Protein backbone atom coordinates (compact mmCIF):
# COMPACT_ATOMS: atom_id res chain seq x y z
CA MET A 1 20.69 31.36 1.84
CA THR A 2 17.48 31.76 1.74
CA VAL A 3 15.78 28.66 0.44
CA GLN A 4 13.05 29.01 -1.66
CA PRO A 5 10.20 26.64 -2.98
CA GLN A 6 10.83 24.77 -6.31
CA SER A 7 8.77 23.45 -8.76
CA SER A 8 8.36 19.90 -10.05
CA PRO A 9 6.46 18.75 -13.30
CA VAL A 10 4.71 15.93 -12.99
CA ARG A 11 6.71 12.69 -14.17
CA THR A 12 6.64 9.05 -14.08
CA LEU A 13 8.74 6.49 -12.43
CA GLU A 14 8.58 3.46 -14.33
CA CYS A 15 8.99 0.49 -12.19
CA ARG A 16 8.79 -2.90 -14.16
CA GLY A 17 4.96 -2.00 -15.21
CA ILE A 18 3.92 0.20 -12.45
CA ARG A 19 3.85 3.60 -12.64
CA VAL A 20 4.53 5.81 -9.94
CA GLU A 21 3.70 9.41 -10.44
CA TYR A 22 5.72 12.40 -8.27
CA GLY A 23 6.31 16.21 -9.02
CA ALA A 24 2.59 17.13 -8.20
CA ALA A 25 2.14 15.88 -4.83
CA PRO A 26 5.25 14.13 -2.92
CA VAL A 27 5.77 9.93 -2.88
CA ILE A 28 6.56 8.40 0.88
CA VAL A 29 8.71 5.56 1.03
CA GLY A 30 7.67 3.10 3.63
CA ILE A 31 10.61 1.49 5.13
CA VAL A 32 9.97 -2.51 6.19
CA ASN A 33 13.48 -3.85 7.58
CA VAL A 34 13.69 -7.11 7.87
CA THR A 35 16.78 -7.14 10.31
CA PRO A 36 17.08 -7.40 13.98
CA ASP A 37 20.12 -4.04 14.40
CA SER A 38 17.94 -1.87 12.29
CA PHE A 39 19.22 1.67 14.23
CA TYR A 40 15.16 2.43 15.25
CA ASP A 41 12.87 -0.50 14.23
CA GLY A 42 15.44 -3.61 14.41
CA GLY A 43 13.63 -6.70 15.38
CA ARG A 44 10.12 -5.65 15.23
CA HIS A 45 9.76 -7.17 11.55
CA ALA A 46 12.34 -9.95 11.37
CA THR A 47 9.97 -12.53 10.75
CA THR A 48 8.58 -12.84 7.07
CA GLU A 49 4.98 -12.48 8.65
CA ALA A 50 5.79 -9.22 10.77
CA ALA A 51 7.48 -7.47 7.54
CA VAL A 52 4.20 -8.26 5.60
CA ALA A 53 1.97 -6.94 8.14
CA GLN A 54 3.91 -4.24 8.47
CA ALA A 55 4.20 -3.25 5.08
CA GLU A 56 0.23 -3.74 4.22
CA ARG A 57 0.37 -0.91 7.79
CA LEU A 58 2.32 1.19 5.22
CA VAL A 59 0.47 1.18 2.58
CA ALA A 60 -2.84 1.93 4.44
CA GLU A 61 -0.97 4.71 5.50
CA GLY A 62 -0.65 6.18 1.88
CA ALA A 63 3.09 4.74 1.56
CA GLY A 64 3.56 4.97 -2.82
CA LEU A 65 6.30 2.31 -2.64
CA LEU A 66 7.94 -0.05 0.11
CA ASP A 67 11.91 -0.20 -0.17
CA ILE A 68 12.85 -3.92 1.55
CA GLY A 69 16.22 -4.55 3.65
CA GLY A 70 17.54 -7.81 5.02
CA MET A 71 20.93 -6.16 6.23
CA SER A 72 21.15 -2.87 8.37
CA THR A 73 23.75 -0.58 6.71
CA ARG A 74 23.97 1.57 9.90
CA PRO A 75 27.14 2.66 11.51
CA GLY A 76 28.93 -0.43 12.58
CA HIS A 77 26.65 -2.76 11.15
CA THR A 78 27.43 -6.63 10.87
CA GLU A 79 27.79 -7.93 7.72
CA ILE A 80 25.96 -11.09 6.95
CA SER A 81 25.78 -13.44 4.39
CA VAL A 82 24.16 -13.44 1.14
CA ALA A 83 22.46 -16.00 1.46
CA GLU A 84 21.13 -15.53 5.22
CA GLU A 85 20.49 -11.49 3.13
CA ILE A 86 18.95 -13.65 0.65
CA ALA A 87 16.63 -15.50 2.79
CA ARG A 88 15.18 -12.55 4.53
CA VAL A 89 14.20 -10.40 1.86
CA VAL A 90 13.10 -12.67 -0.47
CA PRO A 91 9.96 -14.38 1.25
CA VAL A 92 8.86 -10.85 1.72
CA ILE A 93 9.30 -9.45 -1.98
CA ALA A 94 7.40 -13.22 -2.86
CA ALA A 95 4.37 -12.83 -0.41
CA LEU A 96 3.98 -9.29 -0.95
CA VAL A 97 4.05 -9.04 -5.39
CA GLY A 98 0.34 -8.52 -6.00
CA LYS A 99 -0.96 -8.42 -2.82
CA VAL A 100 0.04 -4.40 -2.28
CA ALA A 101 -0.15 -2.17 -5.50
CA VAL A 102 2.71 -0.02 -5.03
CA PRO A 103 6.28 -1.10 -5.73
CA LEU A 104 8.84 -2.65 -3.64
CA SER A 105 12.45 -1.53 -3.73
CA ILE A 106 15.26 -4.01 -2.76
CA ASP A 107 17.66 -2.48 -0.19
CA SER A 108 21.30 -3.94 -0.87
CA TYR A 109 24.08 -3.46 -2.44
CA ARG A 110 25.01 -6.83 -3.42
CA PRO A 111 24.31 -8.45 -6.90
CA ALA A 112 23.11 -11.99 -5.96
CA VAL A 113 20.84 -10.30 -3.56
CA VAL A 114 19.46 -8.04 -5.70
CA ARG A 115 19.24 -10.40 -8.80
CA ALA A 116 17.23 -12.90 -6.36
CA ALA A 117 14.61 -10.02 -5.07
CA LEU A 118 14.18 -8.72 -8.78
CA GLU A 119 13.37 -12.61 -10.04
CA ALA A 120 10.93 -12.91 -7.18
CA GLY A 121 9.39 -9.88 -8.18
CA ALA A 122 10.95 -6.32 -6.43
CA GLN A 123 10.50 -3.33 -8.81
CA VAL A 124 12.87 -1.32 -7.56
CA VAL A 125 16.73 -1.43 -6.79
CA ASN A 126 18.18 0.91 -4.07
CA ASP A 127 21.81 0.99 -4.27
CA ILE A 128 23.75 2.86 -1.24
CA HIS A 129 26.56 3.17 -3.28
CA GLY A 130 24.94 4.55 -6.31
CA PHE A 131 26.43 1.79 -8.58
CA GLN A 132 29.99 2.95 -7.99
CA ARG A 133 30.93 -0.27 -6.43
CA ALA A 134 28.70 -2.79 -7.81
CA PRO A 135 28.60 -1.15 -11.68
CA GLU A 136 26.64 -4.77 -12.18
CA LEU A 137 23.73 -3.37 -10.17
CA ALA A 138 22.99 -0.94 -12.76
CA ARG A 139 22.80 -3.58 -15.28
CA LEU A 140 20.64 -5.77 -13.42
CA ALA A 141 17.83 -2.86 -13.41
CA ALA A 142 18.15 -2.21 -16.67
CA GLU A 143 17.65 -6.04 -17.80
CA PHE A 144 14.85 -6.42 -15.48
CA GLY A 145 13.02 -3.03 -16.80
CA ALA A 146 13.46 -1.82 -12.92
CA ALA A 147 13.78 1.84 -11.47
CA ALA A 148 16.70 2.35 -9.11
CA ILE A 149 17.76 4.17 -6.53
CA ALA A 150 21.43 5.22 -6.48
CA MET A 151 22.31 6.85 -3.03
CA HIS A 152 25.98 9.32 -2.34
CA PHE A 153 28.71 7.24 -0.61
CA GLU A 154 31.73 8.04 -0.70
CA LYS A 155 34.21 8.06 1.62
CA GLY A 156 36.62 11.14 1.96
CA PHE A 157 33.15 13.10 1.66
CA GLU A 158 33.47 13.74 5.49
CA THR A 159 37.30 15.75 4.95
CA ALA A 160 36.80 17.19 1.65
CA ALA A 161 36.66 20.91 1.18
CA ASP A 162 34.43 20.98 -1.78
CA ASP A 163 31.18 22.16 -1.84
CA VAL A 164 28.81 19.65 -0.97
CA ILE A 165 26.28 20.00 -3.57
CA GLU A 166 29.14 20.67 -6.25
CA ARG A 167 30.94 17.48 -5.08
CA GLN A 168 27.42 15.60 -5.28
CA LEU A 169 26.69 16.57 -7.97
CA ALA A 170 30.10 14.85 -9.78
CA PHE A 171 29.28 11.64 -8.09
CA PHE A 172 26.16 11.44 -9.68
CA ARG A 173 26.98 12.32 -13.26
CA ARG A 174 29.22 9.24 -12.38
CA THR A 175 26.38 7.38 -11.29
CA LEU A 176 24.93 7.82 -14.67
CA ALA A 177 27.33 7.51 -16.75
CA ILE A 178 27.56 3.79 -15.47
CA ALA A 179 23.93 3.31 -15.87
CA ALA A 180 24.25 4.63 -19.14
CA GLU A 181 26.51 2.05 -19.84
CA ALA A 182 24.27 -0.85 -18.50
CA GLY A 183 21.61 0.74 -20.31
CA LEU A 184 19.28 1.73 -17.87
CA PRO A 185 17.66 5.31 -18.91
CA ALA A 186 18.54 7.91 -16.59
CA GLU A 187 14.52 8.81 -15.96
CA ARG A 188 14.40 5.26 -14.34
CA VAL A 189 16.97 6.54 -11.77
CA VAL A 190 16.08 8.32 -8.09
CA ILE A 191 18.78 9.89 -6.36
CA ASP A 192 19.35 10.14 -2.50
CA PRO A 193 22.46 12.51 -1.13
CA GLY A 194 22.93 9.97 1.90
CA ILE A 195 22.25 11.83 4.80
CA GLY A 196 24.60 10.18 7.63
CA PHE A 197 27.05 8.35 4.98
CA HIS A 198 30.38 9.63 5.31
CA LYS A 199 29.34 12.99 6.15
CA THR A 200 29.99 15.51 9.19
CA GLN A 201 27.01 17.64 11.19
CA PRO A 202 27.72 20.35 9.44
CA GLN A 203 27.14 18.52 6.25
CA ASN A 204 24.51 17.05 6.32
CA LEU A 205 22.78 20.27 8.11
CA GLU A 206 23.87 22.08 4.81
CA LEU A 207 22.80 19.38 2.38
CA LEU A 208 19.22 19.50 3.77
CA ALA A 209 18.99 23.04 3.61
CA ARG A 210 19.98 22.88 0.06
CA LEU A 211 18.39 19.84 -0.69
CA GLY A 212 17.02 21.57 -4.02
CA GLU A 213 19.97 22.56 -5.62
CA LEU A 214 20.71 18.29 -6.22
CA ARG A 215 17.70 18.94 -8.91
CA ALA A 216 20.12 20.53 -11.57
CA LEU A 217 20.57 16.98 -12.97
CA GLY A 218 16.77 17.00 -13.92
CA LEU A 219 16.56 13.71 -11.85
CA PRO A 220 14.21 12.77 -8.85
CA VAL A 221 15.62 13.11 -5.22
CA LEU A 222 14.87 10.98 -2.49
CA LEU A 223 15.48 12.06 1.27
CA GLY A 224 15.94 9.32 3.93
CA ALA A 225 16.58 11.35 7.17
CA SER A 226 13.91 9.53 9.02
CA ARG A 227 14.91 9.45 12.89
CA LYS A 228 18.86 9.31 11.81
CA SER A 229 21.09 10.46 13.94
CA VAL A 230 21.57 14.26 12.04
CA ILE A 231 18.61 14.97 14.98
CA SER A 232 19.81 13.51 17.84
CA HIS A 233 23.09 15.95 16.98
CA VAL A 234 20.92 18.55 17.46
CA LEU A 235 18.35 17.95 19.58
CA ASP A 236 20.16 14.89 21.69
CA LEU A 237 17.02 12.50 21.34
CA PRO A 238 17.25 8.80 21.02
CA PRO A 239 15.96 7.36 17.80
CA ASP A 240 11.74 6.58 18.98
CA GLU A 241 11.73 10.53 20.36
CA ARG A 242 12.70 11.94 16.42
CA LEU A 243 9.90 11.88 14.62
CA GLU A 244 8.40 15.26 14.76
CA ALA A 245 12.35 16.70 14.01
CA THR A 246 11.96 14.06 11.10
CA LEU A 247 8.49 16.08 10.44
CA ALA A 248 10.50 19.32 10.12
CA THR A 249 13.12 17.47 7.35
CA THR A 250 10.22 16.09 5.71
CA ALA A 251 8.75 19.33 5.47
CA LEU A 252 11.65 21.31 4.16
CA ALA A 253 12.53 18.91 1.91
CA VAL A 254 9.42 19.11 -0.28
CA TRP A 255 9.77 22.68 0.02
CA GLN A 256 12.29 22.32 -2.36
CA GLY A 257 10.80 20.39 -4.39
CA VAL A 258 12.29 17.13 -3.38
CA GLU A 259 10.19 14.07 -4.65
CA PHE A 260 9.95 11.24 -2.71
CA LEU A 261 10.71 10.71 1.03
CA ARG A 262 12.03 7.49 2.49
CA VAL A 263 10.68 7.00 6.28
CA HIS A 264 9.71 4.88 9.22
CA ASP A 265 6.09 6.72 10.30
CA VAL A 266 4.15 6.95 6.86
CA ARG A 267 1.09 8.17 7.97
CA ALA A 268 2.58 11.41 9.48
CA ASN A 269 5.24 12.09 7.12
CA LEU A 270 2.35 11.93 4.37
CA ARG A 271 0.69 14.78 6.60
CA ALA A 272 3.18 16.85 7.09
CA ALA A 273 4.36 16.54 3.04
CA ARG A 274 1.29 17.35 2.00
CA MET A 275 0.86 20.36 3.78
CA ALA A 276 4.43 21.64 2.67
CA ALA A 277 3.60 20.77 -0.91
CA ALA A 278 0.59 22.52 -0.71
CA LEU A 279 1.63 25.93 0.84
CA ARG A 280 4.83 25.32 -2.20
CA HIS A 281 1.79 24.85 -4.89
CA ALA A 282 0.33 28.22 -3.40
CA THR A 283 3.81 30.52 -3.50
CA PRO A 284 4.21 32.61 -6.92
């Protein structure tokens, strides 16, 4: 199919008193991994001081939101204790609150970690299970007035014969039902197709080519494809050589109307996203 540009109205994501405008311009979500084993930058920012310095660099480069994680969710990752995950992320969040002007997202699927992060001042909950493993995360977001990123994570998706978009839309409708029951308004939810999670390479590529169709729910869409293995399967490159291909996915996503890009390299992706947005807005 031919990918057509999709227009986006200017809207606002409310994040505990911080308003993030999206639609007119792409929002870059900078990744801050306080981990020793993330697939690309594991160990680079594993101390509080290094993570805070990295976060400040990403904001200076143009990040409109920071996503802070203390446990890798890459394939084959080692699960750490809740206490250790809290010890990694809470000092970073506490140090950044009031120091940076952008919202801080906690990237965790464990309620105790998310609560600790929200109590430390985080303004966004990023759940890779889309509230369907722990509905309590939606209740926590509602309780604290936080926004939420809900990712598609569905075991068995890789063997399903359904249309990839229709199956994802059904998943996110369940996510929205959980959010509504928890008192979390739909306008505070961003959806993420979960590139690389329980998906085959053909499914990943098809999702990237059809991202605009996910906007049928009326929710903002986030793409997290930065330096992922979907690129390696095409180009056979290690993570540190996947920047150019990441920029291609960013430009294609923005062309389709995707509003949020979760990336490691903020400056380069912001430039690619702005150029793609200018071309999209110039298209009759």
